[in-house]
Amino acid sequence: MAENRQRAYCFHRAFEPAAARRVVFDRHYLLYSAQGTMHLEGEDRNWVLLPTCAAFIPAGTPITVAMHNPAVCCSVLFHPDFVTPPINRSAVFAVTPVLREMIWHSRRWGPDPVREDPVADAFFKALALTAFELAQHAGNNLWLPPGQSHYVRRALAVTGVRFAEEMEFPEVALAASLSERALARRIITETGLTWRQIRRRMRMIRAMELLGEPARNVSEVALDVGYQSFSAFSRAFTEFAGQTPSDYRRCFAQATGNMPLPP
């Protein structure tokens, strides 16, 4: 297959569920899951990519991608000589309505080689600058630390399976074969977060995924992620996401409602 020498182009495709796969892109990659959730792992972070967010992945950065459910990807690739990003690390950030419309419009220029197009160049430059500004100032917390030692990895794995239960830290320490004090110290050292902060983040990220399912009401989501009180869930979610569960659901619906499927 001949090398694609386009300065920038859009890649729009539907994917079936797929196991984790490690990939390296030779271009800067603006990855947007227009429908469905994607899971990314790289640079000491595990991200959940929801339709309300996008990921910027610098060229040459190894990243592992997994899709547990069907997804529709509408992404933009930039040749390294075409744009220079202001950051050199991957980032996941909230997609604004303007950027979402720009990504959608970029489908006009697909991966098939075309003659030089000054309109395309100008548009993709503007799109890149818009995305890079958002990525540079990303305050997104939709990521989880993988841990470094086998003790912390084990503790996080157990927590990831049982985060919705009324599990307490002594049980986690027992599963990790370490004292509570030693494990707590290791978790903070390796992740920068406490165990309770990590568990809450796991709950909130899962809640954001579930709120994207129209068949579930908010009260059901609260119970599914371990909250017996709707008011407690609403407070925790609002603090985490910056909006109420109902407002987030509306934003999610707007993000997925207008993006067409690829042919």
C-alpha atoms as a PDB file:
ATOM      1  CA  MET A   1       0.000   0.000   0.000  1.00  0.00           C
ATOM      2  CA  ALA A   2       1.383   3.397  -0.956  1.00  0.00           C
ATOM      3  CA  GLU A   3       2.194   5.841   1.816  1.00  0.00           C
ATOM      4  CA  ASN A   4      -0.496   8.419   2.430  1.00  0.00           C
ATOM      5  CA  ARG A   5       1.232  11.773   2.037  1.00  0.00           C
ATOM      6  CA  GLN A   6      -1.778  13.949   2.823  1.00  0.00           C
ATOM      7  CA  ARG A   7      -1.033  16.630   5.373  1.00  0.00           C
ATOM      8  CA  ALA A   8      -4.188  15.793   7.315  1.00  0.00           C
ATOM      9  CA  TYR A   9      -7.296  13.711   6.829  1.00  0.00           C
ATOM     10  CA  CYS A  10     -10.307  12.280   8.651  1.00  0.00           C
ATOM     11  CA  PHE A  11     -10.824   8.598   9.433  1.00  0.00           C
ATOM     12  CA  HIS A  12     -14.482   7.622   9.986  1.00  0.00           C
ATOM     13  CA  ARG A  13     -15.307   3.989  10.691  1.00  0.00           C
ATOM     14  CA  ALA A  14     -17.503   1.668  12.766  1.00  0.00           C
ATOM     15  CA  PHE A  15     -15.772  -0.943  14.932  1.00  0.00           C
ATOM     16  CA  GLU A  16     -16.989  -4.145  16.514  1.00  0.00           C
ATOM     17  CA  PRO A  17     -15.898  -5.012  20.067  1.00  0.00           C
ATOM     18  CA  ALA A  18     -12.202  -5.877  20.100  1.00  0.00           C
ATOM     19  CA  ALA A  19      -9.618  -7.026  22.602  1.00  0.00           C
ATOM     20  CA  ALA A  20      -6.841  -4.703  23.687  1.00  0.00           C
ATOM     21  CA  ARG A  21      -4.329  -3.993  20.925  1.00  0.00           C
ATOM     22  CA  ARG A  22      -1.116  -1.993  21.109  1.00  0.00           C
ATOM     23  CA  VAL A  23      -0.676   0.514  18.278  1.00  0.00           C
ATOM     24  CA  VAL A  24       1.756   3.261  17.319  1.00  0.00           C
ATOM     25  CA  PHE A  25       0.684   6.006  14.898  1.00  0.00           C
ATOM     26  CA  ASP A  26       3.180   7.764  12.657  1.00  0.00           C
ATOM     27  CA  ARG A  27       0.977  10.885  12.771  1.00  0.00           C
ATOM     28  CA  HIS A  28      -0.466  13.022  15.510  1.00  0.00           C
ATOM     29  CA  TYR A  29      -3.838  11.456  16.227  1.00  0.00           C
ATOM     30  CA  LEU A  30      -7.004  13.194  17.385  1.00  0.00           C
ATOM     31  CA  LEU A  31      -9.118  10.224  18.420  1.00  0.00           C
ATOM     32  CA  TYR A  32     -12.835  10.808  18.857  1.00  0.00           C
ATOM     33  CA  SER A  33     -15.338   8.061  19.638  1.00  0.00           C
ATOM     34  CA  ALA A  34     -18.531   9.507  18.190  1.00  0.00           C
ATOM     35  CA  GLN A  35     -20.532   6.564  19.541  1.00  0.00           C
ATOM     36  CA  GLY A  36     -19.487   3.985  22.103  1.00  0.00           C
ATOM     37  CA  THR A  37     -16.731   3.892  24.680  1.00  0.00           C
ATOM     38  CA  MET A  38     -13.060   3.151  24.086  1.00  0.00           C
ATOM     39  CA  HIS A  39     -10.410   2.241  26.655  1.00  0.00           C
ATOM     40  CA  LEU A  40      -6.872   3.540  26.241  1.00  0.00           C
ATOM     41  CA  GLU A  41      -3.697   2.675  28.110  1.00  0.00           C
ATOM     42  CA  GLY A  42      -0.359   4.419  27.787  1.00  0.00           C
ATOM     43  CA  GLU A  43       2.137   6.728  29.474  1.00  0.00           C
ATOM     44  CA  ASP A  44       1.294   5.409  32.962  1.00  0.00           C
ATOM     45  CA  ARG A  45      -2.429   6.110  32.645  1.00  0.00           C
ATOM     46  CA  ASN A  46      -5.582   4.223  31.759  1.00  0.00           C
ATOM     47  CA  TRP A  47      -8.258   6.393  30.144  1.00  0.00           C
ATOM     48  CA  VAL A  48     -11.925   5.876  29.373  1.00  0.00           C
ATOM     49  CA  LEU A  49     -12.800   7.701  26.155  1.00  0.00           C
ATOM     50  CA  LEU A  50     -16.481   8.654  26.129  1.00  0.00           C
ATOM     51  CA  PRO A  51     -18.335  10.436  23.280  1.00  0.00           C
ATOM     52  CA  THR A  52     -18.114  13.645  25.292  1.00  0.00           C
ATOM     53  CA  CYS A  53     -14.310  13.559  25.063  1.00  0.00           C
ATOM     54  CA  ALA A  54     -11.447  13.190  22.601  1.00  0.00           C
ATOM     55  CA  ALA A  55      -7.875  11.975  22.948  1.00  0.00           C
ATOM     56  CA  PHE A  56      -4.753  13.578  21.546  1.00  0.00           C
ATOM     57  CA  ILE A  57      -1.966  11.060  20.915  1.00  0.00           C
ATOM     58  CA  PRO A  58       1.394  12.421  19.686  1.00  0.00           C
ATOM     59  CA  ALA A  59       3.003  10.701  16.718  1.00  0.00           C
ATOM     60  CA  GLY A  60       5.156   7.748  17.718  1.00  0.00           C
ATOM     61  CA  THR A  61       3.472   7.237  21.100  1.00  0.00           C
ATOM     62  CA  PRO A  62       2.635   3.581  21.890  1.00  0.00           C
ATOM     63  CA  ILE A  63      -0.914   3.196  23.153  1.00  0.00           C
ATOM     64  CA  THR A  64      -3.177   0.229  23.847  1.00  0.00           C
ATOM     65  CA  VAL A  65      -6.766   0.469  22.607  1.00  0.00           C
ATOM     66  CA  ALA A  66      -9.668  -1.775  23.611  1.00  0.00           C
ATOM     67  CA  MET A  67     -13.365  -1.671  22.713  1.00  0.00           C
ATOM     68  CA  HIS A  68     -15.746  -3.680  24.884  1.00  0.00           C
ATOM     69  CA  ASN A  69     -18.791  -2.582  22.855  1.00  0.00           C
ATOM     70  CA  PRO A  70     -19.421  -1.407  19.276  1.00  0.00           C
ATOM     71  CA  ALA A  71     -18.021   2.052  18.595  1.00  0.00           C
ATOM     72  CA  VAL A  72     -17.911   4.621  15.813  1.00  0.00           C
ATOM     73  CA  CYS A  73     -14.610   6.419  15.433  1.00  0.00           C
ATOM     74  CA  CYS A  74     -14.377   9.806  13.729  1.00  0.00           C
ATOM     75  CA  SER A  75     -10.788  10.943  14.069  1.00  0.00           C
ATOM     76  CA  VAL A  76      -8.265  13.236  12.429  1.00  0.00           C
ATOM     77  CA  LEU A  77      -4.637  12.461  11.650  1.00  0.00           C
ATOM     78  CA  PHE A  78      -2.005  15.176  11.183  1.00  0.00           C
ATOM     79  CA  HIS A  79       1.376  14.683   9.536  1.00  0.00           C
ATOM     80  CA  PRO A  80       4.142  15.770  11.969  1.00  0.00           C
ATOM     81  CA  ASP A  81       5.421  18.279   9.391  1.00  0.00           C
ATOM     82  CA  PHE A  82       1.964  19.853   9.097  1.00  0.00           C
ATOM     83  CA  VAL A  83       1.391  20.915  12.721  1.00  0.00           C
ATOM     84  CA  THR A  84       3.511  21.187  15.869  1.00  0.00           C
ATOM     85  CA  PRO A  85       1.547  20.350  19.028  1.00  0.00           C
ATOM     86  CA  PRO A  86       2.257  22.411  22.162  1.00  0.00           C
ATOM     87  CA  ILE A  87       2.325  19.227  24.285  1.00  0.00           C
ATOM     88  CA  ASN A  88       4.288  16.011  23.870  1.00  0.00           C
ATOM     89  CA  ARG A  89       2.122  13.709  26.010  1.00  0.00           C
ATOM     90  CA  SER A  90      -1.213  12.061  25.363  1.00  0.00           C
ATOM     91  CA  ALA A  91      -4.248  13.804  26.815  1.00  0.00           C
ATOM     92  CA  VAL A  92      -7.977  13.192  27.065  1.00  0.00           C
ATOM     93  CA  PHE A  93     -10.147  16.310  27.147  1.00  0.00           C
ATOM     94  CA  ALA A  94     -13.762  17.425  26.875  1.00  0.00           C
ATOM     95  CA  VAL A  95     -14.951  18.097  23.323  1.00  0.00           C
ATOM     96  CA  THR A  96     -16.674  21.439  22.830  1.00  0.00           C
ATOM     97  CA  PRO A  97     -19.640  21.726  20.441  1.00  0.00           C
ATOM     98  CA  VAL A  98     -17.441  23.720  18.044  1.00  0.00           C
ATOM     99  CA  LEU A  99     -14.712  21.077  17.926  1.00  0.00           C
ATOM    100  CA  ARG A 100     -17.288  18.319  17.531  1.00  0.00           C
ATOM    101  CA  GLU A 101     -18.800  20.065  14.507  1.00  0.00           C
ATOM    102  CA  MET A 102     -15.328  20.599  13.038  1.00  0.00           C
ATOM    103  CA  ILE A 103     -14.471  16.904  13.424  1.00  0.00           C
ATOM    104  CA  TRP A 104     -17.776  15.997  11.835  1.00  0.00           C
ATOM    105  CA  HIS A 105     -17.193  18.387   8.920  1.00  0.00           C
ATOM    106  CA  SER A 106     -13.671  17.015   8.360  1.00  0.00           C
ATOM    107  CA  ARG A 107     -15.214  13.799   6.996  1.00  0.00           C
ATOM    108  CA  ARG A 108     -15.225  15.713   3.717  1.00  0.00           C
ATOM    109  CA  TRP A 109     -11.509  14.939   3.462  1.00  0.00           C
ATOM    110  CA  GLY A 110     -10.967  11.205   3.933  1.00  0.00           C
ATOM    111  CA  PRO A 111      -7.830   9.069   3.707  1.00  0.00           C
ATOM    112  CA  ASP A 112      -7.990   8.617  -0.076  1.00  0.00           C
ATOM    113  CA  PRO A 113      -5.133  10.610  -1.712  1.00  0.00           C
ATOM    114  CA  VAL A 114      -6.263  13.870  -3.280  1.00  0.00           C
ATOM    115  CA  ARG A 115      -4.611  16.829  -4.945  1.00  0.00           C
ATOM    116  CA  GLU A 116      -3.413  19.675  -2.749  1.00  0.00           C
ATOM    117  CA  ASP A 117      -6.372  21.566  -1.371  1.00  0.00           C
ATOM    118  CA  PRO A 118      -5.723  24.955   0.277  1.00  0.00           C
ATOM    119  CA  VAL A 119      -9.209  24.885   1.818  1.00  0.00           C
ATOM    120  CA  ALA A 120      -8.466  21.550   3.502  1.00  0.00           C
ATOM    121  CA  ASP A 121      -5.110  22.799   4.739  1.00  0.00           C
ATOM    122  CA  ALA A 122      -6.635  25.920   6.273  1.00  0.00           C
ATOM    123  CA  PHE A 123      -9.487  23.971   7.848  1.00  0.00           C
ATOM    124  CA  PHE A 124      -7.244  21.305   9.387  1.00  0.00           C
ATOM    125  CA  LYS A 125      -4.872  23.952  10.715  1.00  0.00           C
ATOM    126  CA  ALA A 126      -7.787  25.616  12.506  1.00  0.00           C
ATOM    127  CA  LEU A 127      -9.062  22.256  13.761  1.00  0.00           C
ATOM    128  CA  ALA A 128      -5.606  21.340  15.086  1.00  0.00           C
ATOM    129  CA  LEU A 129      -5.200  24.647  16.918  1.00  0.00           C
ATOM    130  CA  THR A 130      -8.661  24.256  18.473  1.00  0.00           C
ATOM    131  CA  ALA A 131      -7.965  20.714  19.624  1.00  0.00           C
ATOM    132  CA  PHE A 132      -4.445  21.455  20.870  1.00  0.00           C
ATOM    133  CA  GLU A 133      -5.657  24.357  22.991  1.00  0.00           C
ATOM    134  CA  LEU A 134      -8.204  22.102  24.686  1.00  0.00           C
ATOM    135  CA  ALA A 135      -5.669  19.299  25.144  1.00  0.00           C
ATOM    136  CA  GLN A 136      -3.089  21.667  26.569  1.00  0.00           C
ATOM    137  CA  HIS A 137      -5.448  22.864  29.297  1.00  0.00           C
ATOM    138  CA  ALA A 138      -7.189  19.560  29.916  1.00  0.00           C
ATOM    139  CA  GLY A 139      -8.389  19.204  33.474  1.00  0.00           C
ATOM    140  CA  ASN A 140      -9.973  15.858  32.707  1.00  0.00           C
ATOM    141  CA  ASN A 141      -9.892  13.182  35.393  1.00  0.00           C
ATOM    142  CA  LEU A 142     -11.226  10.290  33.304  1.00  0.00           C
ATOM    143  CA  TRP A 143      -8.104   8.242  33.919  1.00  0.00           C
ATOM    144  CA  LEU A 144      -6.973   5.645  36.386  1.00  0.00           C
ATOM    145  CA  PRO A 145      -3.417   4.875  37.498  1.00  0.00           C
ATOM    146  CA  PRO A 146      -2.167   1.360  36.687  1.00  0.00           C
ATOM    147  CA  GLY A 147       0.190   1.143  39.646  1.00  0.00           C
ATOM    148  CA  GLN A 148       3.819   0.081  39.507  1.00  0.00           C
ATOM    149  CA  SER A 149       4.407  -2.625  42.121  1.00  0.00           C
ATOM    150  CA  HIS A 150       2.539  -5.917  42.090  1.00  0.00           C
ATOM    151  CA  TYR A 151       1.058  -4.962  45.483  1.00  0.00           C
ATOM    152  CA  VAL A 152      -0.619  -1.834  44.145  1.00  0.00           C
ATOM    153  CA  ARG A 153      -1.599  -3.466  40.877  1.00  0.00           C
ATOM    154  CA  ARG A 154      -3.284  -6.248  42.815  1.00  0.00           C
ATOM    155  CA  ALA A 155      -5.045  -3.767  45.095  1.00  0.00           C
ATOM    156  CA  LEU A 156      -6.335  -1.757  42.129  1.00  0.00           C
ATOM    157  CA  ALA A 157      -7.434  -4.907  40.302  1.00  0.00           C
ATOM    158  CA  VAL A 158      -9.473  -6.072  43.292  1.00  0.00           C
ATOM    159  CA  THR A 159     -10.951  -2.603  43.722  1.00  0.00           C
ATOM    160  CA  GLY A 160     -11.806  -2.434  40.022  1.00  0.00           C
ATOM    161  CA  VAL A 161     -13.881  -5.595  40.298  1.00  0.00           C
ATOM    162  CA  ARG A 162     -15.607  -4.704  43.572  1.00  0.00           C
ATOM    163  CA  PHE A 163     -15.747  -0.885  43.585  1.00  0.00           C
ATOM    164  CA  ALA A 164     -19.570  -0.888  43.783  1.00  0.00           C
ATOM    165  CA  GLU A 165     -19.555  -3.046  46.915  1.00  0.00           C
ATOM    166  CA  GLU A 166     -19.280  -1.915  50.523  1.00  0.00           C
ATOM    167  CA  MET A 167     -15.670  -3.039  50.554  1.00  0.00           C
ATOM    168  CA  GLU A 168     -13.270  -1.483  53.027  1.00  0.00           C
ATOM    169  CA  PHE A 169      -9.546  -0.940  52.800  1.00  0.00           C
ATOM    170  CA  PRO A 170      -8.555  -3.773  55.188  1.00  0.00           C
ATOM    171  CA  GLU A 171     -10.026  -6.266  52.695  1.00  0.00           C
ATOM    172  CA  VAL A 172      -7.985  -4.730  49.901  1.00  0.00           C
ATOM    173  CA  ALA A 173      -4.800  -4.869  51.955  1.00  0.00           C
ATOM    174  CA  LEU A 174      -5.472  -8.531  52.741  1.00  0.00           C
ATOM    175  CA  ALA A 175      -5.943  -9.304  49.042  1.00  0.00           C
ATOM    176  CA  ALA A 176      -2.696  -7.471  48.236  1.00  0.00           C
ATOM    177  CA  SER A 177      -0.818  -9.362  50.983  1.00  0.00           C
ATOM    178  CA  LEU A 178       0.388  -6.156  52.607  1.00  0.00           C
ATOM    179  CA  SER A 179      -0.368  -4.256  55.805  1.00  0.00           C
ATOM    180  CA  GLU A 180      -2.901  -1.434  55.548  1.00  0.00           C
ATOM    181  CA  ARG A 181      -0.318   1.193  56.412  1.00  0.00           C
ATOM    182  CA  ALA A 182       2.265  -0.085  53.934  1.00  0.00           C
ATOM    183  CA  LEU A 183      -0.292  -0.430  51.125  1.00  0.00           C
ATOM    184  CA  ALA A 184      -1.766   3.029  51.710  1.00  0.00           C
ATOM    185  CA  ARG A 185       1.712   4.534  51.526  1.00  0.00           C
ATOM    186  CA  ARG A 186       2.554   2.630  48.333  1.00  0.00           C
ATOM    187  CA  ILE A 187      -0.701   3.649  46.625  1.00  0.00           C
ATOM    188  CA  ILE A 188      -0.118   7.346  47.275  1.00  0.00           C
ATOM    189  CA  THR A 189       3.539   7.114  46.229  1.00  0.00           C
ATOM    190  CA  GLU A 190       2.778   5.264  42.991  1.00  0.00           C
ATOM    191  CA  THR A 191      -0.435   6.982  41.925  1.00  0.00           C
ATOM    192  CA  GLY A 192      -0.612  10.349  43.681  1.00  0.00           C
ATOM    193  CA  LEU A 193      -4.100   9.409  44.908  1.00  0.00           C
ATOM    194  CA  THR A 194      -5.511   7.720  47.980  1.00  0.00           C
ATOM    195  CA  TRP A 195      -7.353   4.428  47.702  1.00  0.00           C
ATOM    196  CA  ARG A 196     -10.703   6.111  48.420  1.00  0.00           C
ATOM    197  CA  GLN A 197     -10.046   8.710  45.716  1.00  0.00           C
ATOM    198  CA  ILE A 198      -9.303   5.928  43.236  1.00  0.00           C
ATOM    199  CA  ARG A 199     -12.410   3.969  44.202  1.00  0.00           C
ATOM    200  CA  ARG A 200     -14.586   7.056  43.832  1.00  0.00           C
ATOM    201  CA  ARG A 201     -13.030   7.787  40.451  1.00  0.00           C
ATOM    202  CA  MET A 202     -13.790   4.221  39.338  1.00  0.00           C
ATOM    203  CA  ARG A 203     -17.394   4.695  40.426  1.00  0.00           C
ATOM    204  CA  MET A 204     -17.784   8.037  38.666  1.00  0.00           C
ATOM    205  CA  ILE A 205     -16.206   6.881  35.399  1.00  0.00           C
ATOM    206  CA  ARG A 206     -18.498   3.856  35.335  1.00  0.00           C
ATOM    207  CA  ALA A 207     -21.464   6.110  36.128  1.00  0.00           C
ATOM    208  CA  MET A 208     -20.611   8.302  33.132  1.00  0.00           C
ATOM    209  CA  GLU A 209     -20.612   5.226  30.900  1.00  0.00           C
ATOM    210  CA  LEU A 210     -23.943   4.007  32.271  1.00  0.00           C
ATOM    211  CA  LEU A 211     -25.579   7.427  31.970  1.00  0.00           C
ATOM    212  CA  GLY A 212     -24.981   7.121  28.232  1.00  0.00           C
ATOM    213  CA  GLU A 213     -27.431   4.198  28.128  1.00  0.00           C
ATOM    214  CA  PRO A 214     -30.947   5.650  27.626  1.00  0.00           C
ATOM    215  CA  ALA A 215     -32.640   2.602  29.136  1.00  0.00           C
ATOM    216  CA  ARG A 216     -31.131   3.244  32.578  1.00  0.00           C
ATOM    217  CA  ASN A 217     -32.531   5.917  34.847  1.00  0.00           C
ATOM    218  CA  VAL A 218     -30.265   7.944  37.088  1.00  0.00           C
ATOM    219  CA  SER A 219     -31.377   6.201  40.279  1.00  0.00           C
ATOM    220  CA  GLU A 220     -30.466   2.816  38.800  1.00  0.00           C
ATOM    221  CA  VAL A 221     -27.051   4.126  37.831  1.00  0.00           C
ATOM    222  CA  ALA A 222     -26.488   5.373  41.381  1.00  0.00           C
ATOM    223  CA  LEU A 223     -27.214   1.892  42.773  1.00  0.00           C
ATOM    224  CA  ASP A 224     -25.111   0.180  40.102  1.00  0.00           C
ATOM    225  CA  VAL A 225     -22.005   2.113  41.122  1.00  0.00           C
ATOM    226  CA  GLY A 226     -22.417   1.648  44.860  1.00  0.00           C
ATOM    227  CA  TYR A 227     -24.539   4.568  46.124  1.00  0.00           C
ATOM    228  CA  GLN A 228     -27.600   3.772  48.210  1.00  0.00           C
ATOM    229  CA  SER A 229     -28.600   7.437  48.350  1.00  0.00           C
ATOM    230  CA  PHE A 230     -29.442   9.302  45.158  1.00  0.00           C
ATOM    231  CA  SER A 231     -28.583  12.637  46.766  1.00  0.00           C
ATOM    232  CA  ALA A 232     -25.127  11.365  47.788  1.00  0.00           C
ATOM    233  CA  PHE A 233     -24.529  10.098  44.248  1.00  0.00           C
ATOM    234  CA  SER A 234     -25.681  13.372  42.713  1.00  0.00           C
ATOM    235  CA  ARG A 235     -23.360  15.396  44.953  1.00  0.00           C
ATOM    236  CA  ALA A 236     -20.384  13.145  44.232  1.00  0.00           C
ATOM    237  CA  PHE A 237     -21.058  13.136  40.494  1.00  0.00           C
ATOM    238  CA  THR A 238     -21.505  16.902  40.290  1.00  0.00           C
ATOM    239  CA  GLU A 239     -18.251  17.457  42.166  1.00  0.00           C
ATOM    240  CA  PHE A 240     -16.444  15.034  39.852  1.00  0.00           C
ATOM    241  CA  ALA A 241     -17.943  15.974  36.472  1.00  0.00           C
ATOM    242  CA  GLY A 242     -18.827  19.626  37.054  1.00  0.00           C
ATOM    243  CA  GLN A 243     -22.487  19.015  36.196  1.00  0.00           C
ATOM    244  CA  THR A 244     -25.408  17.030  37.559  1.00  0.00           C
ATOM    245  CA  PRO A 245     -26.075  13.480  36.306  1.00  0.00           C
ATOM    246  CA  SER A 246     -29.126  14.706  34.384  1.00  0.00           C
ATOM    247  CA  ASP A 247     -27.172  17.543  32.735  1.00  0.00           C
ATOM    248  CA  TYR A 248     -24.391  15.142  31.816  1.00  0.00           C
ATOM    249  CA  ARG A 249     -26.906  12.761  30.257  1.00  0.00           C
ATOM    250  CA  ARG A 250     -28.272  15.578  28.099  1.00  0.00           C
ATOM    251  CA  CYS A 251     -24.758  16.514  26.954  1.00  0.00           C
ATOM    252  CA  PHE A 252     -24.043  12.860  26.179  1.00  0.00           C
ATOM    253  CA  ALA A 253     -27.219  12.608  24.084  1.00  0.00           C
ATOM    254  CA  GLN A 254     -26.299  15.759  22.172  1.00  0.00           C
ATOM    255  CA  ALA A 255     -22.799  14.424  21.521  1.00  0.00           C
ATOM    256  CA  THR A 256     -24.058  11.143  20.044  1.00  0.00           C
ATOM    257  CA  GLY A 257     -27.371  12.144  18.527  1.00  0.00           C
ATOM    258  CA  ASN A 258     -26.189  13.953  15.387  1.00  0.00           C
ATOM    259  CA  MET A 259     -23.105  12.048  14.307  1.00  0.00           C
ATOM    260  CA  PRO A 260     -23.951   9.876  11.257  1.00  0.00           C
ATOM    261  CA  LEU A 261     -22.731   6.329  10.863  1.00  0.00           C
ATOM    262  CA  PRO A 262     -20.008   5.697   8.267  1.00  0.00           C
ATOM    263  CA  PRO A 263     -21.171   4.173   4.976  1.00  0.00           C
END
